[in-house]
Amino acid sequence: MFNVCTRVAIARALASEAPVLLADEPTGNLDEDTANSIMEILKDCSHKMNKCVVIVTHSKELAKQTDVIFRLWRGELEVENRK
């Protein structure tokens, strides 16, 4: 499982009163199973707590798990609504 620091960081971010959580490569140094666990936590908590979670990632697999994908491609912003 992922380390205690990662768990604490996620818990602190979700426990804050901020309506938006910015996550820069939150799963970048994790194995695939752990990354999927982190994504499930972020998705479940964001939906239940009505928070917007913005994730910056290079992982196409991670992006596929989100509600909306914003992709910069050749200077253009592409939007893919996955809901």
PDB file of N, CA and C in Angstrom:
ATOM      1  N   MET A   1       0.845  -1.184   0.000  1.00  0.00           N
ATOM      2  CA  MET A   1       0.000   0.000   0.000  1.00  0.00           C
ATOM      3  C   MET A   1       0.886   1.242   0.000  1.00  0.00           C
ATOM      4  N   PHE A   2       0.281   2.395  -0.257  1.00  0.00           N
ATOM      5  CA  PHE A   2       1.060   3.613  -0.337  1.00  0.00           C
ATOM      6  C   PHE A   2       1.472   4.077   1.052  1.00  0.00           C
ATOM      7  N   ASN A   3       2.492   4.918   1.080  1.00  0.00           N
ATOM      8  CA  ASN A   3       3.074   5.287   2.371  1.00  0.00           C
ATOM      9  C   ASN A   3       2.195   6.251   3.166  1.00  0.00           C
ATOM     10  N   VAL A   4       2.551   6.410   4.418  1.00  0.00           N
ATOM     11  CA  VAL A   4       1.767   7.222   5.350  1.00  0.00           C
ATOM     12  C   VAL A   4       1.730   8.681   4.921  1.00  0.00           C
ATOM     13  N   CYS A   5       2.825   9.200   4.401  1.00  0.00           N
ATOM     14  CA  CYS A   5       2.857  10.611   3.977  1.00  0.00           C
ATOM     15  C   CYS A   5       1.838  10.872   2.867  1.00  0.00           C
ATOM     16  N   THR A   6       1.718   9.939   1.944  1.00  0.00           N
ATOM     17  CA  THR A   6       0.739  10.088   0.865  1.00  0.00           C
ATOM     18  C   THR A   6      -0.668  10.073   1.428  1.00  0.00           C
ATOM     19  N   ARG A   7      -0.933   9.161   2.334  1.00  0.00           N
ATOM     20  CA  ARG A   7      -2.260   9.088   2.957  1.00  0.00           C
ATOM     21  C   ARG A   7      -2.607  10.373   3.690  1.00  0.00           C
ATOM     22  N   VAL A   8      -1.645  10.888   4.447  1.00  0.00           N
ATOM     23  CA  VAL A   8      -1.870  12.111   5.223  1.00  0.00           C
ATOM     24  C   VAL A   8      -2.100  13.293   4.287  1.00  0.00           C
ATOM     25  N   ALA A   9      -1.333  13.376   3.222  1.00  0.00           N
ATOM     26  CA  ALA A   9      -1.500  14.478   2.271  1.00  0.00           C
ATOM     27  C   ALA A   9      -2.885  14.456   1.633  1.00  0.00           C
ATOM     28  N   ILE A  10      -3.350  13.284   1.257  1.00  0.00           N
ATOM     29  CA  ILE A  10      -4.691  13.157   0.667  1.00  0.00           C
ATOM     30  C   ILE A  10      -5.753  13.522   1.698  1.00  0.00           C
ATOM     31  N   ALA A  11      -5.629  13.012   2.898  1.00  0.00           N
ATOM     32  CA  ALA A  11      -6.604  13.290   3.956  1.00  0.00           C
ATOM     33  C   ALA A  11      -6.664  14.781   4.270  1.00  0.00           C
ATOM     34  N   ARG A  12      -5.515  15.419   4.389  1.00  0.00           N
ATOM     35  CA  ARG A  12      -5.485  16.858   4.680  1.00  0.00           C
ATOM     36  C   ARG A  12      -6.136  17.661   3.561  1.00  0.00           C
ATOM     37  N   ALA A  13      -5.836  17.301   2.335  1.00  0.00           N
ATOM     38  CA  ALA A  13      -6.396  18.029   1.196  1.00  0.00           C
ATOM     39  C   ALA A  13      -7.915  17.880   1.138  1.00  0.00           C
ATOM     40  N   LEU A  14      -8.398  16.677   1.349  1.00  0.00           N
ATOM     41  CA  LEU A  14      -9.841  16.445   1.285  1.00  0.00           C
ATOM     42  C   LEU A  14     -10.569  17.014   2.496  1.00  0.00           C
ATOM     43  N   ALA A  15      -9.883  17.109   3.622  1.00  0.00           N
ATOM     44  CA  ALA A  15     -10.514  17.624   4.838  1.00  0.00           C
ATOM     45  C   ALA A  15     -10.601  19.149   4.855  1.00  0.00           C
ATOM     46  N   SER A  16      -9.849  19.793   4.006  1.00  0.00           N
ATOM     47  CA  SER A  16      -9.884  21.258   3.996  1.00  0.00           C
ATOM     48  C   SER A  16     -11.231  21.737   3.467  1.00  0.00           C
ATOM     49  N   GLU A  17     -11.539  22.978   3.749  1.00  0.00           N
ATOM     50  CA  GLU A  17     -12.807  23.553   3.291  1.00  0.00           C
ATOM     51  C   GLU A  17     -12.715  24.082   1.863  1.00  0.00           C
ATOM     52  N   ALA A  18     -11.556  23.977   1.267  1.00  0.00           N
ATOM     53  CA  ALA A  18     -11.368  24.477  -0.101  1.00  0.00           C
ATOM     54  C   ALA A  18     -12.248  23.682  -1.065  1.00  0.00           C
ATOM     55  N   PRO A  19     -12.936  24.363  -1.963  1.00  0.00           N
ATOM     56  CA  PRO A  19     -13.809  23.658  -2.910  1.00  0.00           C
ATOM     57  C   PRO A  19     -13.049  22.992  -4.052  1.00  0.00           C
ATOM     58  N   VAL A  20     -11.769  23.380  -4.233  1.00  0.00           N
ATOM     59  CA  VAL A  20     -10.964  22.843  -5.327  1.00  0.00           C
ATOM     60  C   VAL A  20      -9.682  22.254  -4.768  1.00  0.00           C
ATOM     61  N   LEU A  21      -9.344  21.054  -5.226  1.00  0.00           N
ATOM     62  CA  LEU A  21      -8.110  20.377  -4.832  1.00  0.00           C
ATOM     63  C   LEU A  21      -7.247  20.231  -6.081  1.00  0.00           C
ATOM     64  N   LEU A  22      -6.031  20.771  -6.031  1.00  0.00           N
ATOM     65  CA  LEU A  22      -5.102  20.650  -7.145  1.00  0.00           C
ATOM     66  C   LEU A  22      -4.107  19.543  -6.841  1.00  0.00           C
ATOM     67  N   ALA A  23      -4.001  18.571  -7.731  1.00  0.00           N
ATOM     68  CA  ALA A  23      -3.114  17.430  -7.522  1.00  0.00           C
ATOM     69  C   ALA A  23      -2.169  17.306  -8.720  1.00  0.00           C
ATOM     70  N   ASP A  24      -0.910  17.612  -8.502  1.00  0.00           N
ATOM     71  CA  ASP A  24       0.096  17.550  -9.560  1.00  0.00           C
ATOM     72  C   ASP A  24       0.777  16.191  -9.529  1.00  0.00           C
ATOM     73  N   GLU A  25       0.476  15.349 -10.503  1.00  0.00           N
ATOM     74  CA  GLU A  25       1.026  13.990 -10.599  1.00  0.00           C
ATOM     75  C   GLU A  25       0.893  13.225  -9.281  1.00  0.00           C
ATOM     76  N   PRO A  26      -0.333  13.087  -8.747  1.00  0.00           N
ATOM     77  CA  PRO A  26      -0.504  12.447  -7.439  1.00  0.00           C
ATOM     78  C   PRO A  26      -0.120  10.973  -7.417  1.00  0.00           C
ATOM     79  N   THR A  27      -0.021  10.361  -8.576  1.00  0.00           N
ATOM     80  CA  THR A  27       0.312   8.933  -8.625  1.00  0.00           C
ATOM     81  C   THR A  27       1.595   8.681  -9.391  1.00  0.00           C
ATOM     82  N   GLY A  28       2.366   9.719  -9.633  1.00  0.00           N
ATOM     83  CA  GLY A  28       3.541   9.631 -10.484  1.00  0.00           C
ATOM     84  C   GLY A  28       4.587   8.610 -10.061  1.00  0.00           C
ATOM     85  N   ASN A  29       4.769   8.418  -8.765  1.00  0.00           N
ATOM     86  CA  ASN A  29       5.815   7.493  -8.307  1.00  0.00           C
ATOM     87  C   ASN A  29       5.224   6.233  -7.665  1.00  0.00           C
ATOM     88  N   LEU A  30       3.998   5.899  -8.043  1.00  0.00           N
ATOM     89  CA  LEU A  30       3.323   4.749  -7.438  1.00  0.00           C
ATOM     90  C   LEU A  30       3.119   3.634  -8.457  1.00  0.00           C
ATOM     91  N   ASP A  31       3.010   2.410  -7.959  1.00  0.00           N
ATOM     92  CA  ASP A  31       2.698   1.295  -8.848  1.00  0.00           C
ATOM     93  C   ASP A  31       1.237   1.407  -9.300  1.00  0.00           C
ATOM     94  N   GLU A  32       0.877   0.635 -10.309  1.00  0.00           N
ATOM     95  CA  GLU A  32      -0.447   0.759 -10.936  1.00  0.00           C
ATOM     96  C   GLU A  32      -1.598   0.494  -9.962  1.00  0.00           C
ATOM     97  N   ASP A  33      -1.474  -0.543  -9.143  1.00  0.00           N
ATOM     98  CA  ASP A  33      -2.552  -0.860  -8.191  1.00  0.00           C
ATOM     99  C   ASP A  33      -2.744   0.259  -7.181  1.00  0.00           C
ATOM    100  N   THR A  34      -1.633   0.783  -6.671  1.00  0.00           N
ATOM    101  CA  THR A  34      -1.712   1.870  -5.694  1.00  0.00           C
ATOM    102  C   THR A  34      -2.265   3.135  -6.341  1.00  0.00           C
ATOM    103  N   ALA A  35      -1.850   3.412  -7.570  1.00  0.00           N
ATOM    104  CA  ALA A  35      -2.363   4.585  -8.288  1.00  0.00           C
ATOM    105  C   ALA A  35      -3.874   4.482  -8.460  1.00  0.00           C
ATOM    106  N   ASN A  36      -4.362   3.291  -8.795  1.00  0.00           N
ATOM    107  CA  ASN A  36      -5.806   3.097  -8.934  1.00  0.00           C
ATOM    108  C   ASN A  36      -6.523   3.291  -7.607  1.00  0.00           C
ATOM    109  N   SER A  37      -5.918   2.855  -6.512  1.00  0.00           N
ATOM    110  CA  SER A  37      -6.508   3.061  -5.176  1.00  0.00           C
ATOM    111  C   SER A  37      -6.607   4.551  -4.858  1.00  0.00           C
ATOM    112  N   ILE A  38      -5.560   5.285  -5.167  1.00  0.00           N
ATOM    113  CA  ILE A  38      -5.557   6.737  -4.934  1.00  0.00           C
ATOM    114  C   ILE A  38      -6.663   7.394  -5.755  1.00  0.00           C
ATOM    115  N   MET A  39      -6.799   6.998  -7.004  1.00  0.00           N
ATOM    116  CA  MET A  39      -7.834   7.579  -7.860  1.00  0.00           C
ATOM    117  C   MET A  39      -9.226   7.285  -7.330  1.00  0.00           C
ATOM    118  N   GLU A  40      -9.448   6.082  -6.851  1.00  0.00           N
ATOM    119  CA  GLU A  40     -10.756   5.739  -6.279  1.00  0.00           C
ATOM    120  C   GLU A  40     -11.063   6.615  -5.074  1.00  0.00           C
ATOM    121  N   ILE A  41     -10.072   6.815  -4.224  1.00  0.00           N
ATOM    122  CA  ILE A  41     -10.254   7.676  -3.044  1.00  0.00           C
ATOM    123  C   ILE A  41     -10.593   9.095  -3.483  1.00  0.00           C
ATOM    124  N   LEU A  42      -9.829   9.633  -4.419  1.00  0.00           N
ATOM    125  CA  LEU A  42     -10.070  10.998  -4.881  1.00  0.00           C
ATOM    126  C   LEU A  42     -11.442  11.138  -5.531  1.00  0.00           C
ATOM    127  N   LYS A  43     -11.816  10.184  -6.373  1.00  0.00           N
ATOM    128  CA  LYS A  43     -13.126  10.249  -7.035  1.00  0.00           C
ATOM    129  C   LYS A  43     -14.267  10.143  -6.032  1.00  0.00           C
ATOM    130  N   ASP A  44     -14.212   9.131  -5.174  1.00  0.00           N
ATOM    131  CA  ASP A  44     -15.287   8.930  -4.206  1.00  0.00           C
ATOM    132  C   ASP A  44     -15.444  10.133  -3.288  1.00  0.00           C
ATOM    133  N   CYS A  45     -14.346  10.581  -2.735  1.00  0.00           N
ATOM    134  CA  CYS A  45     -14.418  11.706  -1.798  1.00  0.00           C
ATOM    135  C   CYS A  45     -14.842  12.992  -2.493  1.00  0.00           C
ATOM    136  N   SER A  46     -14.349  13.220  -3.703  1.00  0.00           N
ATOM    137  CA  SER A  46     -14.732  14.458  -4.387  1.00  0.00           C
ATOM    138  C   SER A  46     -16.215  14.487  -4.690  1.00  0.00           C
ATOM    139  N   HIS A  47     -16.765  13.352  -5.119  1.00  0.00           N
ATOM    140  CA  HIS A  47     -18.202  13.305  -5.412  1.00  0.00           C
ATOM    141  C   HIS A  47     -19.028  13.424  -4.125  1.00  0.00           C
ATOM    142  N   LYS A  48     -18.635  12.727  -3.090  1.00  0.00           N
ATOM    143  CA  LYS A  48     -19.393  12.764  -1.831  1.00  0.00           C
ATOM    144  C   LYS A  48     -19.265  14.104  -1.117  1.00  0.00           C
ATOM    145  N   MET A  49     -18.104  14.753  -1.249  1.00  0.00           N
ATOM    146  CA  MET A  49     -17.856  16.010  -0.545  1.00  0.00           C
ATOM    147  C   MET A  49     -18.065  17.223  -1.442  1.00  0.00           C
ATOM    148  N   ASN A  50     -18.509  16.981  -2.673  1.00  0.00           N
ATOM    149  CA  ASN A  50     -18.775  18.054  -3.631  1.00  0.00           C
ATOM    150  C   ASN A  50     -17.559  18.960  -3.834  1.00  0.00           C
ATOM    151  N   LYS A  51     -16.412  18.349  -4.106  1.00  0.00           N
ATOM    152  CA  LYS A  51     -15.192  19.096  -4.376  1.00  0.00           C
ATOM    153  C   LYS A  51     -14.789  18.889  -5.827  1.00  0.00           C
ATOM    154  N   CYS A  52     -14.124  19.866  -6.379  1.00  0.00           N
ATOM    155  CA  CYS A  52     -13.544  19.758  -7.709  1.00  0.00           C
ATOM    156  C   CYS A  52     -12.089  19.337  -7.525  1.00  0.00           C
ATOM    157  N   VAL A  53     -11.708  18.211  -8.112  1.00  0.00           N
ATOM    158  CA  VAL A  53     -10.326  17.736  -8.036  1.00  0.00           C
ATOM    159  C   VAL A  53      -9.715  17.887  -9.420  1.00  0.00           C
ATOM    160  N   VAL A  54      -8.674  18.702  -9.504  1.00  0.00           N
ATOM    161  CA  VAL A  54      -7.967  18.921 -10.758  1.00  0.00           C
ATOM    162  C   VAL A  54      -6.661  18.142 -10.669  1.00  0.00           C
ATOM    163  N   ILE A  55      -6.497  17.182 -11.576  1.00  0.00           N
ATOM    164  CA  ILE A  55      -5.310  16.340 -11.582  1.00  0.00           C
ATOM    165  C   ILE A  55      -4.498  16.639 -12.829  1.00  0.00           C
ATOM    166  N   VAL A  56      -3.220  16.914 -12.629  1.00  0.00           N
ATOM    167  CA  VAL A  56      -2.293  17.080 -13.739  1.00  0.00           C
ATOM    168  C   VAL A  56      -1.520  15.779 -13.853  1.00  0.00           C
ATOM    169  N   THR A  57      -1.544  15.170 -15.043  1.00  0.00           N
ATOM    170  CA  THR A  57      -0.872  13.886 -15.215  1.00  0.00           C
ATOM    171  C   THR A  57      -0.429  13.694 -16.658  1.00  0.00           C
ATOM    172  N   HIS A  58       0.573  12.857 -16.830  1.00  0.00           N
ATOM    173  CA  HIS A  58       0.986  12.424 -18.157  1.00  0.00           C
ATOM    174  C   HIS A  58       0.399  11.044 -18.470  1.00  0.00           C
ATOM    175  N   SER A  59      -0.270  10.442 -17.497  1.00  0.00           N
ATOM    176  CA  SER A  59      -0.790   9.091 -17.639  1.00  0.00           C
ATOM    177  C   SER A  59      -2.161   9.094 -18.322  1.00  0.00           C
ATOM    178  N   LYS A  60      -2.227   8.489 -19.496  1.00  0.00           N
ATOM    179  CA  LYS A  60      -3.508   8.383 -20.195  1.00  0.00           C
ATOM    180  C   LYS A  60      -4.463   7.470 -19.438  1.00  0.00           C
ATOM    181  N   GLU A  61      -3.934   6.443 -18.794  1.00  0.00           N
ATOM    182  CA  GLU A  61      -4.765   5.523 -18.017  1.00  0.00           C
ATOM    183  C   GLU A  61      -5.401   6.237 -16.830  1.00  0.00           C
ATOM    184  N   LEU A  62      -4.642   7.067 -16.162  1.00  0.00           N
ATOM    185  CA  LEU A  62      -5.171   7.832 -15.039  1.00  0.00           C
ATOM    186  C   LEU A  62      -6.231   8.820 -15.530  1.00  0.00           C
ATOM    187  N   ALA A  63      -5.969   9.477 -16.629  1.00  0.00           N
ATOM    188  CA  ALA A  63      -6.909  10.456 -17.180  1.00  0.00           C
ATOM    189  C   ALA A  63      -8.243   9.803 -17.540  1.00  0.00           C
ATOM    190  N   LYS A  64      -8.196   8.558 -18.008  1.00  0.00           N
ATOM    191  CA  LYS A  64      -9.422   7.856 -18.398  1.00  0.00           C
ATOM    192  C   LYS A  64     -10.357   7.606 -17.217  1.00  0.00           C
ATOM    193  N   GLN A  65      -9.860   7.737 -16.005  1.00  0.00           N
ATOM    194  CA  GLN A  65     -10.675   7.497 -14.815  1.00  0.00           C
ATOM    195  C   GLN A  65     -11.391   8.757 -14.327  1.00  0.00           C
ATOM    196  N   THR A  66     -11.220   9.855 -15.020  1.00  0.00           N
ATOM    197  CA  THR A  66     -11.796  11.120 -14.575  1.00  0.00           C
ATOM    198  C   THR A  66     -13.134  11.402 -15.255  1.00  0.00           C
ATOM    199  N   ASP A  67     -13.839  12.404 -14.741  1.00  0.00           N
ATOM    200  CA  ASP A  67     -15.126  12.804 -15.321  1.00  0.00           C
ATOM    201  C   ASP A  67     -14.941  13.630 -16.588  1.00  0.00           C
ATOM    202  N   VAL A  68     -13.916  14.480 -16.593  1.00  0.00           N
ATOM    203  CA  VAL A  68     -13.638  15.354 -17.734  1.00  0.00           C
ATOM    204  C   VAL A  68     -12.131  15.379 -17.954  1.00  0.00           C
ATOM    205  N   ILE A  69     -11.730  15.352 -19.221  1.00  0.00           N
ATOM    206  CA  ILE A  69     -10.310  15.465 -19.559  1.00  0.00           C
ATOM    207  C   ILE A  69     -10.110  16.765 -20.329  1.00  0.00           C
ATOM    208  N   PHE A  70      -9.180  17.581 -19.856  1.00  0.00           N
ATOM    209  CA  PHE A  70      -8.738  18.767 -20.588  1.00  0.00           C
ATOM    210  C   PHE A  70      -7.332  18.438 -21.091  1.00  0.00           C
ATOM    211  N   ARG A  71      -7.153  18.507 -22.387  1.00  0.00           N
ATOM    212  CA  ARG A  71      -5.868  18.127 -22.971  1.00  0.00           C
ATOM    213  C   ARG A  71      -5.354  19.284 -23.826  1.00  0.00           C
ATOM    214  N   LEU A  72      -4.099  19.678 -23.584  1.00  0.00           N
ATOM    215  CA  LEU A  72      -3.457  20.644 -24.457  1.00  0.00           C
ATOM    216  C   LEU A  72      -2.764  19.874 -25.565  1.00  0.00           C
ATOM    217  N   TRP A  73      -3.136  20.154 -26.801  1.00  0.00           N
ATOM    218  CA  TRP A  73      -2.561  19.441 -27.927  1.00  0.00           C
ATOM    219  C   TRP A  73      -2.259  20.436 -29.033  1.00  0.00           C
ATOM    220  N   ARG A  74      -0.973  20.613 -29.308  1.00  0.00           N
ATOM    221  CA  ARG A  74      -0.516  21.520 -30.370  1.00  0.00           C
ATOM    222  C   ARG A  74      -1.100  22.917 -30.226  1.00  0.00           C
ATOM    223  N   GLY A  75      -1.076  23.410 -29.003  1.00  0.00           N
ATOM    224  CA  GLY A  75      -1.533  24.771 -28.739  1.00  0.00           C
ATOM    225  C   GLY A  75      -3.043  24.927 -28.612  1.00  0.00           C
ATOM    226  N   GLU A  76      -3.785  23.849 -28.721  1.00  0.00           N
ATOM    227  CA  GLU A  76      -5.254  23.901 -28.623  1.00  0.00           C
ATOM    228  C   GLU A  76      -5.716  23.150 -27.380  1.00  0.00           C
ATOM    229  N   LEU A  77      -6.770  23.649 -26.761  1.00  0.00           N
ATOM    230  CA  LEU A  77      -7.366  22.975 -25.606  1.00  0.00           C
ATOM    231  C   LEU A  77      -8.500  22.088 -26.075  1.00  0.00           C
ATOM    232  N   GLU A  78      -8.381  20.791 -25.802  1.00  0.00           N
ATOM    233  CA  GLU A  78      -9.422  19.835 -26.131  1.00  0.00           C
ATOM    234  C   GLU A  78     -10.138  19.444 -24.844  1.00  0.00           C
ATOM    235  N   VAL A  79     -11.449  19.291 -24.915  1.00  0.00           N
ATOM    236  CA  VAL A  79     -12.241  18.909 -23.742  1.00  0.00           C
ATOM    237  C   VAL A  79     -13.007  17.642 -24.086  1.00  0.00           C
ATOM    238  N   GLU A  80     -12.882  16.657 -23.203  1.00  0.00           N
ATOM    239  CA  GLU A  80     -13.609  15.398 -23.367  1.00  0.00           C
ATOM    240  C   GLU A  80     -14.417  15.146 -22.104  1.00  0.00           C
ATOM    241  N   ASN A  81     -15.733  15.262 -22.209  1.00  0.00           N
ATOM    242  CA  ASN A  81     -16.606  15.019 -21.073  1.00  0.00           C
ATOM    243  C   ASN A  81     -16.860  13.514 -20.995  1.00  0.00           C
ATOM    244  N   ARG A  82     -16.496  12.893 -19.890  1.00  0.00           N
ATOM    245  CA  ARG A  82     -16.576  11.447 -19.765  1.00  0.00           C
ATOM    246  C   ARG A  82     -17.734  10.998 -18.892  1.00  0.00           C
ATOM    247  N   LYS A  83     -18.530  11.921 -18.389  1.00  0.00           N
ATOM    248  CA  LYS A  83     -19.643  11.591 -17.505  1.00  0.00           C
ATOM    249  C   LYS A  83     -20.806  11.034 -18.262  1.00  0.00           C
TER     250      LYS A  83
END
